[in-house]
C-alpha cells in the first residue's frame, strides 16, 4: 500500500512546474553576501569578555555570601578534634581556641 503512495508522490513531483532561475540571481546573492558581517578573528581578551557576558555571572555579593555559607557548613561538618594525644595531627582551625595553659 505504501508503494502506491510512493509512486503517486513520484508522479506528482515529476509533473510539477519548475521555474527557471532569474538572470539576476547571482547579483542578488553577491549583494546579500556583501551586506552580511564577515567573520573575523577576535583577541582572547574579547573572547573571554563575550563568554562572561553570555553566562551572566551572579552579583559579587551572592558569590561571597554563598562562599561564607559553604565555609560554615564545611566547618560544622568537620569539627575540631580536641584529643590531647600528641600523635594527632594539628588542624588548621586550632588557632581559634585559646590555649589557656600558656597563660
PDB file of N, CA and C in Angstrom:
ATOM      1  N   UNK A   1       0.822  -1.185   0.000  1.00  0.00           N
ATOM      2  CA  UNK A   1       0.000   0.000   0.000  1.00  0.00           C
ATOM      3  C   UNK A   1       0.869   1.253   0.000  1.00  0.00           C
ATOM      4  N   UNK A   2       2.003   1.220   0.697  1.00  0.00           N
ATOM      5  CA  UNK A   2       2.878   2.390   0.726  1.00  0.00           C
ATOM      6  C   UNK A   2       3.576   2.585  -0.620  1.00  0.00           C
ATOM      7  N   UNK A   3       3.742   1.483  -1.405  1.00  0.00           N
ATOM      8  CA  UNK A   3       4.355   1.619  -2.726  1.00  0.00           C
ATOM      9  C   UNK A   3       3.454   2.433  -3.648  1.00  0.00           C
ATOM     10  N   UNK A   4       2.152   2.250  -3.522  1.00  0.00           N
ATOM     11  CA  UNK A   4       1.225   3.009  -4.356  1.00  0.00           C
ATOM     12  C   UNK A   4       1.308   4.493  -4.023  1.00  0.00           C
ATOM     13  N   UNK A   5       1.418   4.805  -2.718  1.00  0.00           N
ATOM     14  CA  UNK A   5       1.536   6.212  -2.314  1.00  0.00           C
ATOM     15  C   UNK A   5       2.875   6.784  -2.767  1.00  0.00           C
ATOM     16  N   UNK A   6       3.927   5.969  -2.702  1.00  0.00           N
ATOM     17  CA  UNK A   6       5.243   6.421  -3.136  1.00  0.00           C
ATOM     18  C   UNK A   6       5.277   6.699  -4.627  1.00  0.00           C
ATOM     19  N   UNK A   7       4.646   5.833  -5.417  1.00  0.00           N
ATOM     20  CA  UNK A   7       4.606   6.038  -6.866  1.00  0.00           C
ATOM     21  C   UNK A   7       3.794   7.276  -7.217  1.00  0.00           C
ATOM     22  N   UNK A   8       2.699   7.484  -6.493  1.00  0.00           N
ATOM     23  CA  UNK A   8       1.866   8.660  -6.745  1.00  0.00           C
ATOM     24  C   UNK A   8       2.641   9.929  -6.417  1.00  0.00           C
ATOM     25  N   UNK A   9       3.401   9.892  -5.328  1.00  0.00           N
ATOM     26  CA  UNK A   9       4.202  11.041  -4.941  1.00  0.00           C
ATOM     27  C   UNK A   9       5.280  11.314  -5.985  1.00  0.00           C
ATOM     28  N   UNK A  10       5.925  10.268  -6.470  1.00  0.00           N
ATOM     29  CA  UNK A  10       6.936  10.447  -7.510  1.00  0.00           C
ATOM     30  C   UNK A  10       6.338  11.075  -8.765  1.00  0.00           C
ATOM     31  N   UNK A  11       5.152  10.637  -9.169  1.00  0.00           N
ATOM     32  CA  UNK A  11       4.499  11.206 -10.353  1.00  0.00           C
ATOM     33  C   UNK A  11       4.173  12.665 -10.146  1.00  0.00           C
ATOM     34  N   UNK A  12       3.706  13.004  -8.943  1.00  0.00           N
ATOM     35  CA  UNK A  12       3.385  14.404  -8.655  1.00  0.00           C
ATOM     36  C   UNK A  12       4.641  15.270  -8.675  1.00  0.00           C
ATOM     37  N   UNK A  13       5.733  14.770  -8.149  1.00  0.00           N
ATOM     38  CA  UNK A  13       6.972  15.544  -8.145  1.00  0.00           C
ATOM     39  C   UNK A  13       7.513  15.744  -9.551  1.00  0.00           C
ATOM     40  N   UNK A  14       7.381  14.732 -10.389  1.00  0.00           N
ATOM     41  CA  UNK A  14       7.869  14.841 -11.760  1.00  0.00           C
ATOM     42  C   UNK A  14       6.998  15.774 -12.591  1.00  0.00           C
ATOM     43  N   UNK A  15       5.721  15.866 -12.272  1.00  0.00           N
ATOM     44  CA  UNK A  15       4.816  16.687 -13.071  1.00  0.00           C
ATOM     45  C   UNK A  15       4.755  18.141 -12.616  1.00  0.00           C
ATOM     46  N   UNK A  16       5.420  18.494 -11.540  1.00  0.00           N
ATOM     47  CA  UNK A  16       5.321  19.871 -11.060  1.00  0.00           C
ATOM     48  C   UNK A  16       6.107  20.814 -11.955  1.00  0.00           C
ATOM     49  N   UNK A  17       5.707  22.056 -11.928  1.00  0.00           N
ATOM     50  CA  UNK A  17       6.328  23.074 -12.771  1.00  0.00           C
ATOM     51  C   UNK A  17       7.516  23.672 -12.022  1.00  0.00           C
ATOM     52  N   UNK A  18       8.682  23.723 -12.665  1.00  0.00           N
ATOM     53  CA  UNK A  18       9.889  24.279 -12.061  1.00  0.00           C
ATOM     54  C   UNK A  18      10.201  25.595 -12.757  1.00  0.00           C
ATOM     55  N   UNK A  19      10.306  26.648 -11.945  1.00  0.00           N
ATOM     56  CA  UNK A  19      10.621  27.951 -12.518  1.00  0.00           C
ATOM     57  C   UNK A  19      12.124  28.051 -12.730  1.00  0.00           C
ATOM     58  N   UNK A  20      12.538  28.550 -13.867  1.00  0.00           N
ATOM     59  CA  UNK A  20      13.975  28.735 -14.092  1.00  0.00           C
ATOM     60  C   UNK A  20      14.491  29.892 -13.227  1.00  0.00           C
ATOM     61  N   UNK A  21      15.753  29.813 -12.845  1.00  0.00           N
ATOM     62  CA  UNK A  21      16.348  30.869 -12.030  1.00  0.00           C
ATOM     63  C   UNK A  21      16.467  32.138 -12.854  1.00  0.00           C
ATOM     64  N   UNK A  22      16.255  33.270 -12.188  1.00  0.00           N
ATOM     65  CA  UNK A  22      16.341  34.552 -12.876  1.00  0.00           C
ATOM     66  C   UNK A  22      17.776  34.875 -13.254  1.00  0.00           C
ATOM     67  N   UNK A  23      17.921  35.783 -14.192  1.00  0.00           N
ATOM     68  CA  UNK A  23      19.259  36.161 -14.648  1.00  0.00           C
ATOM     69  C   UNK A  23      19.999  36.982 -13.594  1.00  0.00           C
ATOM     70  N   UNK A  24      19.271  37.640 -12.733  1.00  0.00           N
ATOM     71  CA  UNK A  24      19.902  38.479 -11.710  1.00  0.00           C
ATOM     72  C   UNK A  24      20.136  37.732 -10.392  1.00  0.00           C
ATOM     73  N   UNK A  25      19.975  36.424 -10.377  1.00  0.00           N
ATOM     74  CA  UNK A  25      20.132  35.643  -9.154  1.00  0.00           C
ATOM     75  C   UNK A  25      21.548  35.755  -8.591  1.00  0.00           C
ATOM     76  N   UNK A  26      22.547  35.646  -9.433  1.00  0.00           N
ATOM     77  CA  UNK A  26      23.934  35.726  -8.971  1.00  0.00           C
ATOM     78  C   UNK A  26      24.214  37.106  -8.371  1.00  0.00           C
ATOM     79  N   UNK A  27      23.702  38.152  -8.996  1.00  0.00           N
ATOM     80  CA  UNK A  27      23.914  39.510  -8.481  1.00  0.00           C
ATOM     81  C   UNK A  27      23.242  39.687  -7.121  1.00  0.00           C
ATOM     82  N   UNK A  28      22.040  39.150  -6.954  1.00  0.00           N
ATOM     83  CA  UNK A  28      21.346  39.266  -5.665  1.00  0.00           C
ATOM     84  C   UNK A  28      22.107  38.527  -4.569  1.00  0.00           C
ATOM     85  N   UNK A  29      22.671  37.360  -4.892  1.00  0.00           N
ATOM     86  CA  UNK A  29      23.440  36.600  -3.899  1.00  0.00           C
ATOM     87  C   UNK A  29      24.678  37.388  -3.482  1.00  0.00           C
ATOM     88  N   UNK A  30      25.366  37.980  -4.432  1.00  0.00           N
ATOM     89  CA  UNK A  30      26.570  38.752  -4.130  1.00  0.00           C
ATOM     90  C   UNK A  30      26.228  39.969  -3.280  1.00  0.00           C
ATOM     91  N   UNK A  31      25.174  40.681  -3.621  1.00  0.00           N
ATOM     92  CA  UNK A  31      24.784  41.864  -2.849  1.00  0.00           C
ATOM     93  C   UNK A  31      24.373  41.492  -1.426  1.00  0.00           C
ATOM     94  N   UNK A  32      23.682  40.398  -1.279  1.00  0.00           N
ATOM     95  CA  UNK A  32      23.286  39.955   0.057  1.00  0.00           C
ATOM     96  C   UNK A  32      24.506  39.554   0.873  1.00  0.00           C
ATOM     97  N   UNK A  33      25.462  38.875   0.239  1.00  0.00           N
ATOM     98  CA  UNK A  33      26.675  38.462   0.948  1.00  0.00           C
ATOM     99  C   UNK A  33      27.507  39.666   1.369  1.00  0.00           C
ATOM    100  N   UNK A  34      27.509  40.724   0.573  1.00  0.00           N
ATOM    101  CA  UNK A  34      28.261  41.924   0.941  1.00  0.00           C
ATOM    102  C   UNK A  34      27.645  42.632   2.137  1.00  0.00           C
ATOM    103  N   UNK A  35      26.351  42.543   2.307  1.00  0.00           N
ATOM    104  CA  UNK A  35      25.696  43.248   3.414  1.00  0.00           C
ATOM    105  C   UNK A  35      25.808  42.491   4.734  1.00  0.00           C
ATOM    106  N   UNK A  36      26.117  41.201   4.695  1.00  0.00           N
ATOM    107  CA  UNK A  36      26.256  40.424   5.931  1.00  0.00           C
ATOM    108  C   UNK A  36      27.632  40.656   6.551  1.00  0.00           C
ATOM    109  N   UNK A  37      27.710  40.726   7.885  1.00  0.00           N
ATOM    110  CA  UNK A  37      29.021  40.894   8.512  1.00  0.00           C
ATOM    111  C   UNK A  37      29.868  39.633   8.334  1.00  0.00           C
ATOM    112  N   UNK A  38      31.133  39.841   8.057  1.00  0.00           N
ATOM    113  CA  UNK A  38      32.033  38.726   7.820  1.00  0.00           C
ATOM    114  C   UNK A  38      32.682  38.296   9.132  1.00  0.00           C
ATOM    115  N   UNK A  39      33.051  37.041   9.212  1.00  0.00           N
ATOM    116  CA  UNK A  39      33.737  36.530  10.402  1.00  0.00           C
ATOM    117  C   UNK A  39      35.152  37.090  10.434  1.00  0.00           C
ATOM    118  N   UNK A  40      35.579  37.469  11.630  1.00  0.00           N
ATOM    119  CA  UNK A  40      36.946  37.943  11.791  1.00  0.00           C
ATOM    120  C   UNK A  40      37.515  37.380  13.085  1.00  0.00           C
ATOM    121  N   UNK A  41      38.824  37.364  13.167  1.00  0.00           N
ATOM    122  CA  UNK A  41      39.494  36.819  14.342  1.00  0.00           C
ATOM    123  C   UNK A  41      39.417  37.837  15.471  1.00  0.00           C
ATOM    124  N   UNK A  42      39.028  37.349  16.658  1.00  0.00           N
ATOM    125  CA  UNK A  42      38.950  38.245  17.809  1.00  0.00           C
ATOM    126  C   UNK A  42      40.054  37.874  18.794  1.00  0.00           C
ATOM    127  N   UNK A  43      40.570  38.867  19.523  1.00  0.00           N
ATOM    128  CA  UNK A  43      41.621  38.567  20.503  1.00  0.00           C
ATOM    129  C   UNK A  43      41.063  37.769  21.678  1.00  0.00           C
ATOM    130  N   UNK A  44      41.928  37.040  22.386  1.00  0.00           N
ATOM    131  CA  UNK A  44      41.454  36.213  23.511  1.00  0.00           C
ATOM    132  C   UNK A  44      40.743  37.012  24.601  1.00  0.00           C
ATOM    133  N   UNK A  45      41.192  38.237  24.868  1.00  0.00           N
ATOM    134  CA  UNK A  45      40.528  39.045  25.906  1.00  0.00           C
ATOM    135  C   UNK A  45      39.086  39.356  25.514  1.00  0.00           C
ATOM    136  N   UNK A  46      38.856  39.654  24.254  1.00  0.00           N
ATOM    137  CA  UNK A  46      37.486  39.919  23.787  1.00  0.00           C
ATOM    138  C   UNK A  46      36.648  38.657  23.848  1.00  0.00           C
ATOM    139  N   UNK A  47      37.254  37.512  23.519  1.00  0.00           N
ATOM    140  CA  UNK A  47      36.528  36.244  23.578  1.00  0.00           C
ATOM    141  C   UNK A  47      36.099  35.938  25.007  1.00  0.00           C
ATOM    142  N   UNK A  48      36.992  36.156  25.970  1.00  0.00           N
ATOM    143  CA  UNK A  48      36.658  35.902  27.384  1.00  0.00           C
ATOM    144  C   UNK A  48      35.572  36.862  27.845  1.00  0.00           C
ATOM    145  N   UNK A  49      35.654  38.141  27.435  1.00  0.00           N
ATOM    146  CA  UNK A  49      34.628  39.108  27.825  1.00  0.00           C
ATOM    147  C   UNK A  49      33.264  38.695  27.289  1.00  0.00           C
ATOM    148  N   UNK A  50      33.223  38.247  26.048  1.00  0.00           N
ATOM    149  CA  UNK A  50      31.950  37.795  25.474  1.00  0.00           C
ATOM    150  C   UNK A  50      31.437  36.534  26.178  1.00  0.00           C
ATOM    151  N   UNK A  51      32.357  35.655  26.568  1.00  0.00           N
ATOM    152  CA  UNK A  51      31.962  34.436  27.262  1.00  0.00           C
ATOM    153  C   UNK A  51      31.298  34.771  28.593  1.00  0.00           C
ATOM    154  N   UNK A  52      31.912  35.654  29.383  1.00  0.00           N
ATOM    155  CA  UNK A  52      31.331  36.019  30.669  1.00  0.00           C
ATOM    156  C   UNK A  52      30.039  36.808  30.495  1.00  0.00           C
ATOM    157  N   UNK A  53      29.950  37.627  29.467  1.00  0.00           N
ATOM    158  CA  UNK A  53      28.721  38.374  29.221  1.00  0.00           C
ATOM    159  C   UNK A  53      27.584  37.427  28.845  1.00  0.00           C
ATOM    160  N   UNK A  54      27.931  36.334  28.183  1.00  0.00           N
ATOM    161  CA  UNK A  54      26.898  35.387  27.773  1.00  0.00           C
ATOM    162  C   UNK A  54      26.365  34.579  28.952  1.00  0.00           C
ATOM    163  N   UNK A  55      27.225  34.251  29.912  1.00  0.00           N
ATOM    164  CA  UNK A  55      26.796  33.435  31.040  1.00  0.00           C
ATOM    165  C   UNK A  55      26.134  34.242  32.150  1.00  0.00           C
ATOM    166  N   UNK A  56      26.218  35.552  32.127  1.00  0.00           N
ATOM    167  CA  UNK A  56      25.611  36.409  33.147  1.00  0.00           C
ATOM    168  C   UNK A  56      26.002  35.944  34.545  1.00  0.00           C
ATOM    169  N   UNK A  57      27.254  36.189  34.901  1.00  0.00           N
ATOM    170  CA  UNK A  57      27.743  35.776  36.209  1.00  0.00           C
ATOM    171  C   UNK A  57      26.954  36.479  37.316  1.00  0.00           C
ATOM    172  N   UNK A  58      26.750  35.813  38.453  1.00  0.00           N
ATOM    173  CA  UNK A  58      25.956  36.401  39.526  1.00  0.00           C
ATOM    174  C   UNK A  58      26.666  37.586  40.155  1.00  0.00           C
ATOM    175  N   UNK A  59      25.914  38.344  40.905  1.00  0.00           N
ATOM    176  CA  UNK A  59      26.469  39.507  41.582  1.00  0.00           C
ATOM    177  C   UNK A  59      27.495  39.064  42.613  1.00  0.00           C
ATOM    178  N   UNK A  60      28.529  39.884  42.838  1.00  0.00           N
ATOM    179  CA  UNK A  60      29.581  39.501  43.794  1.00  0.00           C
ATOM    180  C   UNK A  60      29.059  39.261  45.206  1.00  0.00           C
ATOM    181  N   UNK A  61      28.044  39.979  45.623  1.00  0.00           N
ATOM    182  CA  UNK A  61      27.518  39.787  46.979  1.00  0.00           C
ATOM    183  C   UNK A  61      26.969  38.374  47.144  1.00  0.00           C
ATOM    184  N   UNK A  62      26.315  37.858  46.126  1.00  0.00           N
ATOM    185  CA  UNK A  62      25.783  36.498  46.205  1.00  0.00           C
ATOM    186  C   UNK A  62      26.906  35.467  46.240  1.00  0.00           C
ATOM    187  N   UNK A  63      27.970  35.734  45.505  1.00  0.00           N
ATOM    188  CA  UNK A  63      29.099  34.810  45.488  1.00  0.00           C
ATOM    189  C   UNK A  63      29.772  34.776  46.854  1.00  0.00           C
ATOM    190  N   UNK A  64      29.992  35.940  47.459  1.00  0.00           N
ATOM    191  CA  UNK A  64      30.630  35.995  48.772  1.00  0.00           C
ATOM    192  C   UNK A  64      29.738  35.343  49.822  1.00  0.00           C
ATOM    193  N   UNK A  65      28.437  35.637  49.799  1.00  0.00           N
ATOM    194  CA  UNK A  65      27.528  35.024  50.759  1.00  0.00           C
ATOM    195  C   UNK A  65      27.492  33.505  50.586  1.00  0.00           C
ATOM    196  N   UNK A  66      27.487  33.029  49.358  1.00  0.00           N
ATOM    197  CA  UNK A  66      27.497  31.589  49.115  1.00  0.00           C
ATOM    198  C   UNK A  66      28.783  30.945  49.604  1.00  0.00           C
ATOM    199  N   UNK A  67      29.928  31.624  49.406  1.00  0.00           N
ATOM    200  CA  UNK A  67      31.204  31.083  49.877  1.00  0.00           C
ATOM    201  C   UNK A  67      31.243  31.033  51.407  1.00  0.00           C
ATOM    202  N   UNK A  68      30.692  32.045  52.064  1.00  0.00           N
ATOM    203  CA  UNK A  68      30.662  32.049  53.531  1.00  0.00           C
ATOM    204  C   UNK A  68      29.768  30.932  54.068  1.00  0.00           C
ATOM    205  N   UNK A  69      28.619  30.759  53.472  1.00  0.00           N
ATOM    206  CA  UNK A  69      27.712  29.697  53.910  1.00  0.00           C
ATOM    207  C   UNK A  69      28.354  28.333  53.675  1.00  0.00           C
ATOM    208  N   UNK A  70      29.010  28.179  52.531  1.00  0.00           N
ATOM    209  CA  UNK A  70      29.695  26.920  52.247  1.00  0.00           C
ATOM    210  C   UNK A  70      30.804  26.667  53.269  1.00  0.00           C
ATOM    211  N   UNK A  71      31.557  27.699  53.624  1.00  0.00           N
ATOM    212  CA  UNK A  71      32.622  27.555  54.609  1.00  0.00           C
ATOM    213  C   UNK A  71      32.097  27.189  55.981  1.00  0.00           C
ATOM    214  N   UNK A  72      30.989  27.787  56.366  1.00  0.00           N
ATOM    215  CA  UNK A  72      30.390  27.457  57.665  1.00  0.00           C
ATOM    216  C   UNK A  72      29.915  26.015  57.684  1.00  0.00           C
ATOM    217  N   UNK A  73      29.282  25.588  56.609  1.00  0.00           N
ATOM    218  CA  UNK A  73      28.796  24.209  56.554  1.00  0.00           C
ATOM    219  C   UNK A  73      29.943  23.207  56.580  1.00  0.00           C
ATOM    220  N   UNK A  74      31.031  23.497  55.893  1.00  0.00           N
ATOM    221  CA  UNK A  74      32.186  22.600  55.921  1.00  0.00           C
ATOM    222  C   UNK A  74      32.788  22.586  57.314  1.00  0.00           C
ATOM    223  N   UNK A  75      32.852  23.742  57.969  1.00  0.00           N
ATOM    224  CA  UNK A  75      33.390  23.809  59.321  1.00  0.00           C
ATOM    225  C   UNK A  75      32.541  23.058  60.322  1.00  0.00           C
ATOM    226  N   UNK A  76      31.245  23.098  60.179  1.00  0.00           N
ATOM    227  CA  UNK A  76      30.365  22.363  61.091  1.00  0.00           C
ATOM    228  C   UNK A  76      30.418  20.864  60.832  1.00  0.00           C
ATOM    229  N   UNK A  77      30.639  20.509  59.604  1.00  0.00           N
ATOM    230  CA  UNK A  77      30.696  19.093  59.252  1.00  0.00           C
ATOM    231  C   UNK A  77      31.990  18.454  59.750  1.00  0.00           C
ATOM    232  N   UNK A  78      33.067  19.216  59.793  1.00  0.00           N
ATOM    233  CA  UNK A  78      34.373  18.703  60.196  1.00  0.00           C
ATOM    234  C   UNK A  78      34.814  19.430  61.470  1.00  0.00           C
ATOM    235  N   UNK A  79      34.282  19.059  62.640  1.00  0.00           N
ATOM    236  CA  UNK A  79      34.614  19.788  63.872  1.00  0.00           C
ATOM    237  C   UNK A  79      36.055  19.528  64.306  1.00  0.00           C
ATOM    238  N   UNK A  80      36.541  20.404  65.168  1.00  0.00           N
ATOM    239  CA  UNK A  80      37.900  20.296  65.684  1.00  0.00           C
ATOM    240  C   UNK A  80      38.006  19.104  66.614  1.00  0.00           C
ATOM    241  N   UNK A  81      39.038  18.313  66.434  1.00  0.00           N
ATOM    242  CA  UNK A  81      39.275  17.158  67.298  1.00  0.00           C
ATOM    243  C   UNK A  81      40.037  17.651  68.526  1.00  0.00           C
ATOM    244  N   UNK A  82      39.462  17.508  69.714  1.00  0.00           N
ATOM    245  CA  UNK A  82      40.055  18.067  70.932  1.00  0.00           C
ATOM    246  C   UNK A  82      40.820  17.034  71.735  1.00  0.00           C
ATOM    247  N   UNK A  83      41.268  15.963  71.133  1.00  0.00           N
ATOM    248  CA  UNK A  83      42.020  14.933  71.847  1.00  0.00           C
ATOM    249  C   UNK A  83      43.390  15.484  72.230  1.00  0.00           C
ATOM    250  N   UNK A  84      43.944  15.022  73.384  1.00  0.00           N
ATOM    251  CA  UNK A  84      45.231  15.533  73.878  1.00  0.00           C
ATOM    252  C   UNK A  84      46.395  14.658  73.467  1.00  0.00           C
ATOM    253  N   UNK A  85      46.149  13.613  72.722  1.00  0.00           N
ATOM    254  CA  UNK A  85      47.221  12.727  72.280  1.00  0.00           C
ATOM    255  C   UNK A  85      48.142  13.479  71.317  1.00  0.00           C
ATOM    256  N   UNK A  86      49.477  13.374  71.501  1.00  0.00           N
ATOM    257  CA  UNK A  86      50.435  14.103  70.669  1.00  0.00           C
ATOM    258  C   UNK A  86      50.527  13.548  69.251  1.00  0.00           C
ATOM    259  N   UNK A  87      50.060  12.344  69.025  1.00  0.00           N
ATOM    260  CA  UNK A  87      50.148  11.752  67.696  1.00  0.00           C
ATOM    261  C   UNK A  87      49.063  12.269  66.750  1.00  0.00           C
ATOM    262  N   UNK A  88      48.086  12.996  67.294  1.00  0.00           N
ATOM    263  CA  UNK A  88      47.034  13.542  66.437  1.00  0.00           C
ATOM    264  C   UNK A  88      47.591  14.694  65.598  1.00  0.00           C
ATOM    265  N   UNK A  89      47.109  14.840  64.377  1.00  0.00           N
ATOM    266  CA  UNK A  89      47.589  15.952  63.546  1.00  0.00           C
ATOM    267  C   UNK A  89      47.049  17.289  64.050  1.00  0.00           C
ATOM    268  N   UNK A  90      47.730  18.349  63.741  1.00  0.00           N
ATOM    269  CA  UNK A  90      47.298  19.695  64.120  1.00  0.00           C
ATOM    270  C   UNK A  90      46.360  20.188  63.021  1.00  0.00           C
ATOM    271  N   UNK A  91      45.188  20.629  63.431  1.00  0.00           N
ATOM    272  CA  UNK A  91      44.207  21.109  62.476  1.00  0.00           C
ATOM    273  C   UNK A  91      44.401  22.596  62.226  1.00  0.00           C
ATOM    274  N   UNK A  92      44.022  23.025  61.083  1.00  0.00           N
ATOM    275  CA  UNK A  92      44.188  24.407  60.695  1.00  0.00           C
ATOM    276  C   UNK A  92      43.392  25.348  61.587  1.00  0.00           C
ATOM    277  N   UNK A  93      42.222  24.921  62.022  1.00  0.00           N
ATOM    278  CA  UNK A  93      41.370  25.799  62.816  1.00  0.00           C
ATOM    279  C   UNK A  93      41.734  25.771  64.299  1.00  0.00           C
ATOM    280  N   UNK A  94      42.835  25.153  64.681  1.00  0.00           N
ATOM    281  CA  UNK A  94      43.201  25.060  66.093  1.00  0.00           C
ATOM    282  C   UNK A  94      43.575  26.417  66.673  1.00  0.00           C
ATOM    283  N   UNK A  95      43.922  27.405  65.837  1.00  0.00           N
ATOM    284  CA  UNK A  95      44.252  28.722  66.358  1.00  0.00           C
ATOM    285  C   UNK A  95      43.028  29.448  66.903  1.00  0.00           C
ATOM    286  N   UNK A  96      41.829  28.970  66.597  1.00  0.00           N
ATOM    287  CA  UNK A  96      40.621  29.625  67.087  1.00  0.00           C
ATOM    288  C   UNK A  96      40.382  29.378  68.572  1.00  0.00           C
ATOM    289  N   UNK A  97      40.947  28.342  69.130  1.00  0.00           N
ATOM    290  CA  UNK A  97      40.726  28.008  70.524  1.00  0.00           C
ATOM    291  C   UNK A  97      41.899  28.504  71.358  1.00  0.00           C
ATOM    292  N   UNK A  98      41.578  29.179  72.436  1.00  0.00           N
ATOM    293  CA  UNK A  98      42.616  29.750  73.303  1.00  0.00           C
ATOM    294  C   UNK A  98      43.347  28.647  74.045  1.00  0.00           C
ATOM    295  N   UNK A  99      44.657  28.750  74.044  1.00  0.00           N
ATOM    296  CA  UNK A  99      45.464  27.798  74.804  1.00  0.00           C
ATOM    297  C   UNK A  99      45.705  28.388  76.187  1.00  0.00           C
ATOM    298  N   UNK A 100      44.893  28.000  77.158  1.00  0.00           N
ATOM    299  CA  UNK A 100      44.930  28.622  78.475  1.00  0.00           C
ATOM    300  C   UNK A 100      46.094  28.127  79.315  1.00  0.00           C
ATOM    301  N   UNK A 101      46.737  27.073  78.937  1.00  0.00           N
ATOM    302  CA  UNK A 101      47.886  26.568  79.706  1.00  0.00           C
ATOM    303  C   UNK A 101      49.063  27.519  79.585  1.00  0.00           C
ATOM    304  N   UNK A 102      49.195  28.222  78.478  1.00  0.00           N
ATOM    305  CA  UNK A 102      50.333  29.117  78.287  1.00  0.00           C
ATOM    306  C   UNK A 102      50.223  30.351  79.155  1.00  0.00           C
ATOM    307  N   UNK A 103      49.037  30.695  79.599  1.00  0.00           N
ATOM    308  CA  UNK A 103      48.852  31.883  80.420  1.00  0.00           C
ATOM    309  C   UNK A 103      49.266  31.549  81.819  1.00  0.00           C
TER     310      UNK A 103
END
